[in-house]
């Protein structure tokens, strides 16, 4: 998404996490769905785990 720094991209480029004005957001590229993950990296990791996406949470450091 334009204007927001991307901090993570999946290997197949179907998902990304961007920082929109201090809020981490998971973006599903094909549907353009945005899922708010929180305002800190720790909150984002916790939310990803709640969503069953430990695979992504483990990649964020």
Protein backbone atom coordinates (compact mmCIF):
# COMPACT_ATOMS: atom_id res chain seq x y z
CA UNK A 1 0.00 0.00 0.00
CA UNK A 2 1.34 3.39 -0.97
CA UNK A 3 2.93 5.61 1.63
CA UNK A 4 3.30 3.01 4.38
CA UNK A 5 6.65 1.34 5.08
CA UNK A 6 6.46 -2.40 4.58
CA UNK A 7 8.16 -4.34 7.38
CA UNK A 8 7.41 -7.89 6.21
CA UNK A 9 6.39 -9.62 2.95
CA UNK A 10 5.50 -13.29 2.49
CA UNK A 11 7.64 -15.36 0.15
CA UNK A 12 4.91 -15.50 -2.48
CA UNK A 13 4.12 -11.80 -1.97
CA UNK A 14 0.47 -12.53 -1.13
CA UNK A 15 0.65 -10.90 2.31
CA UNK A 16 2.52 -8.02 3.86
CA UNK A 17 2.74 -6.13 7.11
CA UNK A 18 2.98 -2.36 6.88
CA UNK A 19 3.28 0.42 9.43
CA UNK A 20 0.43 2.89 8.91
CA UNK A 21 1.17 5.88 11.14
CA UNK A 22 2.41 3.75 14.01
CA UNK A 23 -0.12 0.93 13.63
CA UNK A 24 0.99 -2.41 12.24
CA UNK A 25 -1.41 -3.84 9.67
CA UNK A 26 -1.49 -7.23 7.95
CA UNK A 27 -2.58 -6.81 4.35
CA UNK A 28 -3.89 -9.70 2.26
CA UNK A 29 -2.90 -8.55 -1.21
CA UNK A 30 -5.46 -10.41 -3.33
CA UNK A 31 -8.48 -9.18 -1.37
CA UNK A 32 -6.86 -5.96 -0.10
CA UNK A 33 -8.17 -6.91 3.34
CA UNK A 34 -6.46 -5.08 6.21
CA UNK A 35 -6.17 -6.57 9.69
CA UNK A 36 -5.01 -4.27 12.48
CA UNK A 37 -2.25 -5.86 14.56
CA UNK A 38 -1.55 -3.14 17.13
CA UNK A 39 0.77 -0.24 17.78
CA UNK A 40 3.88 -2.14 18.86
CA UNK A 41 5.81 -5.04 17.40
CA UNK A 42 5.04 -7.07 20.53
CA UNK A 43 1.30 -6.39 20.13
CA UNK A 44 1.54 -7.36 16.46
CA UNK A 45 3.24 -10.67 17.32
CA UNK A 46 0.57 -11.40 19.97
CA UNK A 47 -2.29 -10.64 17.55
CA UNK A 48 -0.73 -12.79 14.83
CA UNK A 49 -0.53 -15.70 17.28
CA UNK A 50 -4.21 -15.16 18.19
CA UNK A 51 -5.01 -15.31 14.47
CA UNK A 52 -3.15 -18.62 14.19
CA UNK A 53 -0.30 -17.03 12.23
CA UNK A 54 2.65 -18.02 14.39
CA UNK A 55 4.57 -18.56 11.17
CA UNK A 56 4.58 -14.80 10.61
CA UNK A 57 4.94 -13.87 14.30
CA UNK A 58 8.14 -15.90 14.53
CA UNK A 59 9.65 -13.97 11.63
CA UNK A 60 9.10 -10.54 13.22
CA UNK A 61 11.99 -9.40 15.39
